[in-house]
C-alpha atoms as a PDB file:
ATOM      1  CA  UNK A   1      42.446  25.071  24.984  1.00  0.00           C
ATOM      2  CA  UNK A   2      39.230  24.328  23.553  1.00  0.00           C
ATOM      3  CA  UNK A   3      37.122  23.892  26.735  1.00  0.00           C
ATOM      4  CA  UNK A   4      35.446  27.159  27.708  1.00  0.00           C
ATOM      5  CA  UNK A   5      36.319  28.034  31.497  1.00  0.00           C
ATOM      6  CA  UNK A   6      32.634  28.469  32.550  1.00  0.00           C
ATOM      7  CA  UNK A   7      32.182  24.511  31.729  1.00  0.00           C
ATOM      8  CA  UNK A   8      35.342  23.645  33.644  1.00  0.00           C
ATOM      9  CA  UNK A   9      33.842  25.357  36.826  1.00  0.00           C
ATOM     10  CA  UNK A  10      30.533  23.657  36.447  1.00  0.00           C
ATOM     11  CA  UNK A  11      30.254  20.778  39.034  1.00  0.00           C
ATOM     12  CA  UNK A  12      28.808  18.454  36.380  1.00  0.00           C
ATOM     13  CA  UNK A  13      32.041  18.721  34.352  1.00  0.00           C
ATOM     14  CA  UNK A  14      34.283  16.867  36.705  1.00  0.00           C
ATOM     15  CA  UNK A  15      31.687  14.027  36.849  1.00  0.00           C
ATOM     16  CA  UNK A  16      31.881  13.776  33.088  1.00  0.00           C
ATOM     17  CA  UNK A  17      35.499  13.612  33.054  1.00  0.00           C
ATOM     18  CA  UNK A  18      35.373  10.668  35.433  1.00  0.00           C
ATOM     19  CA  UNK A  19      32.682   8.827  33.405  1.00  0.00           C
ATOM     20  CA  UNK A  20      34.587   9.437  30.139  1.00  0.00           C
ATOM     21  CA  UNK A  21      37.700   7.987  31.738  1.00  0.00           C
ATOM     22  CA  UNK A  22      35.754   4.925  32.985  1.00  0.00           C
ATOM     23  CA  UNK A  23      33.571   4.215  30.036  1.00  0.00           C
ATOM     24  CA  UNK A  24      35.408   5.513  26.908  1.00  0.00           C
ATOM     25  CA  UNK A  25      39.173   5.677  27.448  1.00  0.00           C
ATOM     26  CA  UNK A  26      41.935   3.189  26.681  1.00  0.00           C
ATOM     27  CA  UNK A  27      45.568   3.799  27.099  1.00  0.00           C
ATOM     28  CA  UNK A  28      47.417   1.279  24.932  1.00  0.00           C
ATOM     29  CA  UNK A  29      50.823   2.264  26.331  1.00  0.00           C
ATOM     30  CA  UNK A  30      52.427   2.621  22.958  1.00  0.00           C
ATOM     31  CA  UNK A  31      52.189   5.593  20.380  1.00  0.00           C
ATOM     32  CA  UNK A  32      50.995   3.057  17.696  1.00  0.00           C
ATOM     33  CA  UNK A  33      48.681   0.992  19.872  1.00  0.00           C
ATOM     34  CA  UNK A  34      45.489   1.911  18.104  1.00  0.00           C
ATOM     35  CA  UNK A  35      44.588   2.899  14.478  1.00  0.00           C
ATOM     36  CA  UNK A  36      41.945   5.765  14.350  1.00  0.00           C
ATOM     37  CA  UNK A  37      39.301   6.384  11.923  1.00  0.00           C
ATOM     38  CA  UNK A  38      41.468   9.111  10.550  1.00  0.00           C
ATOM     39  CA  UNK A  39      44.081   6.540   9.688  1.00  0.00           C
ATOM     40  CA  UNK A  40      46.439   8.025  12.371  1.00  0.00           C
ATOM     41  CA  UNK A  41      48.147   5.685  15.024  1.00  0.00           C
ATOM     42  CA  UNK A  42      47.718   6.805  18.615  1.00  0.00           C
ATOM     43  CA  UNK A  43      48.557   5.567  22.156  1.00  0.00           C
ATOM     44  CA  UNK A  44      45.002   6.725  23.165  1.00  0.00           C
ATOM     45  CA  UNK A  45      41.620   5.480  22.170  1.00  0.00           C
ATOM     46  CA  UNK A  46      38.252   7.018  23.048  1.00  0.00           C
ATOM     47  CA  UNK A  47      34.852   5.387  22.212  1.00  0.00           C
ATOM     48  CA  UNK A  48      32.264   7.676  22.966  1.00  0.00           C
ATOM     49  CA  UNK A  49      29.198   5.550  22.183  1.00  0.00           C
ATOM     50  CA  UNK A  50      29.185   4.026  25.796  1.00  0.00           C
ATOM     51  CA  UNK A  51      29.212   7.510  27.184  1.00  0.00           C
ATOM     52  CA  UNK A  52      26.443   8.705  25.134  1.00  0.00           C
ATOM     53  CA  UNK A  53      24.355   5.579  25.814  1.00  0.00           C
ATOM     54  CA  UNK A  54      24.765   5.968  29.563  1.00  0.00           C
ATOM     55  CA  UNK A  55      21.753   7.583  31.356  1.00  0.00           C
ATOM     56  CA  UNK A  56      23.764   9.779  33.681  1.00  0.00           C
ATOM     57  CA  UNK A  57      26.533  10.566  31.333  1.00  0.00           C
ATOM     58  CA  UNK A  58      24.256  11.284  28.418  1.00  0.00           C
ATOM     59  CA  UNK A  59      22.315  13.684  30.465  1.00  0.00           C
ATOM     60  CA  UNK A  60      25.597  15.360  31.626  1.00  0.00           C
ATOM     61  CA  UNK A  61      26.599  15.691  28.001  1.00  0.00           C
ATOM     62  CA  UNK A  62      23.231  17.003  26.931  1.00  0.00           C
ATOM     63  CA  UNK A  63      23.206  19.647  29.761  1.00  0.00           C
ATOM     64  CA  UNK A  64      26.751  20.791  29.190  1.00  0.00           C
ATOM     65  CA  UNK A  65      26.136  20.968  25.520  1.00  0.00           C
ATOM     66  CA  UNK A  66      23.022  23.106  25.871  1.00  0.00           C
ATOM     67  CA  UNK A  67      24.911  25.536  28.066  1.00  0.00           C
ATOM     68  CA  UNK A  68      27.122  26.244  25.229  1.00  0.00           C
ATOM     69  CA  UNK A  69      24.341  26.175  22.630  1.00  0.00           C
ATOM     70  CA  UNK A  70      22.401  28.624  24.598  1.00  0.00           C
ATOM     71  CA  UNK A  71      25.312  31.023  24.876  1.00  0.00           C
ATOM     72  CA  UNK A  72      26.268  30.785  21.364  1.00  0.00           C
ATOM     73  CA  UNK A  73      22.724  30.736  19.862  1.00  0.00           C
ATOM     74  CA  UNK A  74      21.561  28.189  17.512  1.00  0.00           C
ATOM     75  CA  UNK A  75      18.252  27.149  15.975  1.00  0.00           C
ATOM     76  CA  UNK A  76      19.612  23.692  14.888  1.00  0.00           C
ATOM     77  CA  UNK A  77      22.109  21.046  16.146  1.00  0.00           C
ATOM     78  CA  UNK A  78      23.270  18.235  14.035  1.00  0.00           C
ATOM     79  CA  UNK A  79      26.270  16.355  12.408  1.00  0.00           C
ATOM     80  CA  UNK A  80      27.721  13.507  10.377  1.00  0.00           C
ATOM     81  CA  UNK A  81      26.417  10.014  11.009  1.00  0.00           C
ATOM     82  CA  UNK A  82      27.158   7.920  13.230  1.00  0.00           C
ATOM     83  CA  UNK A  83      28.774   9.784  16.354  1.00  0.00           C
ATOM     84  CA  UNK A  84      26.812  12.918  15.976  1.00  0.00           C
ATOM     85  CA  UNK A  85      23.254  11.239  15.717  1.00  0.00           C
ATOM     86  CA  UNK A  86      22.979  10.133  19.215  1.00  0.00           C
ATOM     87  CA  UNK A  87      24.732  13.240  20.224  1.00  0.00           C
ATOM     88  CA  UNK A  88      22.127  15.461  18.563  1.00  0.00           C
ATOM     89  CA  UNK A  89      19.396  13.444  20.141  1.00  0.00           C
ATOM     90  CA  UNK A  90      20.787  13.921  23.725  1.00  0.00           C
ATOM     91  CA  UNK A  91      21.102  17.796  23.006  1.00  0.00           C
ATOM     92  CA  UNK A  92      17.566  18.286  21.898  1.00  0.00           C
ATOM     93  CA  UNK A  93      16.054  15.838  24.413  1.00  0.00           C
ATOM     94  CA  UNK A  94      17.792  17.694  27.369  1.00  0.00           C
ATOM     95  CA  UNK A  95      16.936  21.160  25.979  1.00  0.00           C
ATOM     96  CA  UNK A  96      14.125  22.587  28.191  1.00  0.00           C
ATOM     97  CA  UNK A  97      14.726  26.388  27.409  1.00  0.00           C
ATOM     98  CA  UNK A  98      14.623  26.724  23.632  1.00  0.00           C
ATOM     99  CA  UNK A  99      12.993  25.280  20.502  1.00  0.00           C
ATOM    100  CA  UNK A 100      16.333  24.046  19.024  1.00  0.00           C
ATOM    101  CA  UNK A 101      15.833  21.161  16.686  1.00  0.00           C
ATOM    102  CA  UNK A 102      18.115  18.577  15.391  1.00  0.00           C
ATOM    103  CA  UNK A 103      19.216  16.975  12.113  1.00  0.00           C
ATOM    104  CA  UNK A 104      21.824  14.430  10.768  1.00  0.00           C
ATOM    105  CA  UNK A 105      23.943  14.404   7.575  1.00  0.00           C
ATOM    106  CA  UNK A 106      24.583  11.101   6.057  1.00  0.00           C
ATOM    107  CA  UNK A 107      27.905  10.271   4.673  1.00  0.00           C
ATOM    108  CA  UNK A 108      26.221   8.895   1.608  1.00  0.00           C
ATOM    109  CA  UNK A 109      22.714  10.229   0.708  1.00  0.00           C
ATOM    110  CA  UNK A 110      20.223   7.464   0.506  1.00  0.00           C
ATOM    111  CA  UNK A 111      18.063   9.419  -1.999  1.00  0.00           C
ATOM    112  CA  UNK A 112      14.867   8.951   0.095  1.00  0.00           C
ATOM    113  CA  UNK A 113      15.358  11.718   2.680  1.00  0.00           C
ATOM    114  CA  UNK A 114      13.903  15.327   2.326  1.00  0.00           C
ATOM    115  CA  UNK A 115      10.675  14.450   0.602  1.00  0.00           C
ATOM    116  CA  UNK A 116       8.662  16.197   3.553  1.00  0.00           C
ATOM    117  CA  UNK A 117      11.528  18.340   4.695  1.00  0.00           C
ATOM    118  CA  UNK A 118      12.684  19.869   1.527  1.00  0.00           C
ATOM    119  CA  UNK A 119      16.374  19.175   2.810  1.00  0.00           C
ATOM    120  CA  UNK A 120      19.089  18.365   0.360  1.00  0.00           C
ATOM    121  CA  UNK A 121      19.703  14.647  -0.010  1.00  0.00           C
ATOM    122  CA  UNK A 122      21.480  13.211   2.822  1.00  0.00           C
ATOM    123  CA  UNK A 123      20.300  15.781   5.443  1.00  0.00           C
ATOM    124  CA  UNK A 124      17.537  14.066   7.450  1.00  0.00           C
ATOM    125  CA  UNK A 125      15.709  14.955  10.592  1.00  0.00           C
ATOM    126  CA  UNK A 126      14.197  18.453  11.025  1.00  0.00           C
ATOM    127  CA  UNK A 127      13.814  20.689   7.966  1.00  0.00           C
ATOM    128  CA  UNK A 128      16.597  23.156   7.711  1.00  0.00           C
ATOM    129  CA  UNK A 129      15.442  24.314   4.365  1.00  0.00           C
ATOM    130  CA  UNK A 130      14.346  27.734   5.641  1.00  0.00           C
ATOM    131  CA  UNK A 131      17.783  28.476   7.171  1.00  0.00           C
ATOM    132  CA  UNK A 132      18.970  29.431  10.545  1.00  0.00           C
ATOM    133  CA  UNK A 133      22.030  29.216  12.795  1.00  0.00           C
ATOM    134  CA  UNK A 134      23.429  25.798  13.139  1.00  0.00           C
ATOM    135  CA  UNK A 135      25.986  24.092  15.611  1.00  0.00           C
ATOM    136  CA  UNK A 136      27.673  21.132  14.187  1.00  0.00           C
ATOM    137  CA  UNK A 137      28.303  18.390  16.925  1.00  0.00           C
ATOM    138  CA  UNK A 138      31.024  15.605  16.926  1.00  0.00           C
ATOM    139  CA  UNK A 139      31.748  13.056  19.498  1.00  0.00           C
ATOM    140  CA  UNK A 140      35.688  12.925  19.113  1.00  0.00           C
ATOM    141  CA  UNK A 141      37.644  15.499  17.362  1.00  0.00           C
ATOM    142  CA  UNK A 142      41.133  14.374  15.820  1.00  0.00           C
ATOM    143  CA  UNK A 143      41.930  16.306  12.860  1.00  0.00           C
ATOM    144  CA  UNK A 144      38.557  18.167  12.381  1.00  0.00           C
ATOM    145  CA  UNK A 145      38.334  16.978   8.809  1.00  0.00           C
ATOM    146  CA  UNK A 146      34.994  15.295   8.995  1.00  0.00           C
ATOM    147  CA  UNK A 147      33.161  18.067  10.897  1.00  0.00           C
ATOM    148  CA  UNK A 148      34.788  20.687   8.398  1.00  0.00           C
ATOM    149  CA  UNK A 149      33.178  18.596   5.534  1.00  0.00           C
ATOM    150  CA  UNK A 150      29.823  18.840   7.375  1.00  0.00           C
ATOM    151  CA  UNK A 151      30.186  22.429   7.669  1.00  0.00           C
ATOM    152  CA  UNK A 152      30.938  23.112   4.161  1.00  0.00           C
ATOM    153  CA  UNK A 153      28.019  20.788   2.988  1.00  0.00           C
ATOM    154  CA  UNK A 154      25.480  22.450   5.180  1.00  0.00           C
ATOM    155  CA  UNK A 155      26.625  25.898   4.068  1.00  0.00           C
ATOM    156  CA  UNK A 156      26.704  24.994   0.364  1.00  0.00           C
ATOM    157  CA  UNK A 157      23.481  22.934   0.216  1.00  0.00           C
ATOM    158  CA  UNK A 158      21.251  25.041   2.461  1.00  0.00           C
ATOM    159  CA  UNK A 159      20.598  28.588   3.556  1.00  0.00           C
ATOM    160  CA  UNK A 160      21.920  27.833   7.101  1.00  0.00           C
ATOM    161  CA  UNK A 161      24.908  29.399   8.792  1.00  0.00           C
ATOM    162  CA  UNK A 162      27.248  27.253  10.905  1.00  0.00           C
ATOM    163  CA  UNK A 163      28.107  29.343  13.994  1.00  0.00           C
ATOM    164  CA  UNK A 164      30.160  26.678  15.718  1.00  0.00           C
ATOM    165  CA  UNK A 165      31.374  23.096  16.077  1.00  0.00           C
ATOM    166  CA  UNK A 166      31.146  21.551  19.449  1.00  0.00           C
ATOM    167  CA  UNK A 167      32.846  18.152  20.210  1.00  0.00           C
ATOM    168  CA  UNK A 168      32.589  15.947  23.253  1.00  0.00           C
ATOM    169  CA  UNK A 169      36.372  15.541  23.310  1.00  0.00           C
ATOM    170  CA  UNK A 170      39.193  17.197  21.431  1.00  0.00           C
ATOM    171  CA  UNK A 171      42.070  14.806  21.145  1.00  0.00           C
ATOM    172  CA  UNK A 172      44.414  17.633  20.713  1.00  0.00           C
ATOM    173  CA  UNK A 173      45.877  16.452  17.536  1.00  0.00           C
ATOM    174  CA  UNK A 174      45.523  19.456  15.303  1.00  0.00           C
ATOM    175  CA  UNK A 175      41.658  19.634  15.067  1.00  0.00           C
ATOM    176  CA  UNK A 176      41.429  22.962  16.804  1.00  0.00           C
ATOM    177  CA  UNK A 177      44.043  24.423  14.416  1.00  0.00           C
ATOM    178  CA  UNK A 178      42.250  23.039  11.463  1.00  0.00           C
ATOM    179  CA  UNK A 179      39.157  24.793  12.495  1.00  0.00           C
ATOM    180  CA  UNK A 180      40.961  28.063  13.138  1.00  0.00           C
ATOM    181  CA  UNK A 181      42.370  27.914   9.690  1.00  0.00           C
ATOM    182  CA  UNK A 182      39.127  27.184   8.214  1.00  0.00           C
ATOM    183  CA  UNK A 183      37.465  30.079  10.076  1.00  0.00           C
ATOM    184  CA  UNK A 184      35.089  28.068  12.039  1.00  0.00           C
ATOM    185  CA  UNK A 185      34.558  28.522  15.873  1.00  0.00           C
ATOM    186  CA  UNK A 186      35.460  25.454  17.677  1.00  0.00           C
ATOM    187  CA  UNK A 187      35.239  24.051  21.246  1.00  0.00           C
ATOM    188  CA  UNK A 188      34.842  20.941  23.232  1.00  0.00           C
ATOM    189  CA  UNK A 189      33.501  19.785  26.498  1.00  0.00           C
ATOM    190  CA  UNK A 190      36.849  17.858  27.318  1.00  0.00           C
ATOM    191  CA  UNK A 191      40.416  17.525  25.979  1.00  0.00           C
ATOM    192  CA  UNK A 192      42.417  14.416  25.860  1.00  0.00           C
ATOM    193  CA  UNK A 193      44.827  15.762  28.646  1.00  0.00           C
ATOM    194  CA  UNK A 194      41.774  16.021  31.026  1.00  0.00           C
ATOM    195  CA  UNK A 195      41.447  12.245  30.616  1.00  0.00           C
ATOM    196  CA  UNK A 196      44.811  10.876  30.147  1.00  0.00           C
ATOM    197  CA  UNK A 197      46.669  13.219  32.405  1.00  0.00           C
END
């Protein structure tokens, strides 16, 4: 399972489970009820934007993510637009113990970012041009493909080292195994069965 036991023991974790169930989860009752961004069909749908944009739920996510970021150790957090943008903002806004900074990776470089930061095209926010340890964030993990691309891009285009990928929710549909195969440490705050039963 991709959720660290220390998180499950934190009293905030069960509150986050309830909030994700209430704000983000739909059960379509059929294995082909929803078409996901990955192109797969699924009975379950999770939209984490309402969770990240909710004051209490957003703070819970930021607090729990920061516990793991502190334990793993990271200079920077970031990830692919769109899901990782509010997530990175939540993590850095609720970080009161380190100087961790955030960035985002555009799916398509706009050509104007990086002038002041010296980041490669499409990597915006804090400068990561001098290198450091990075945690890639993701809102929902299905196959892991998008986050693995973000990891490769950061490691190929910058002097940074990606030390982990952390997702709010692992749908338990092969993402964990894809990260293992790619040699990338992966964990999540929640897994689908925490929500759907």
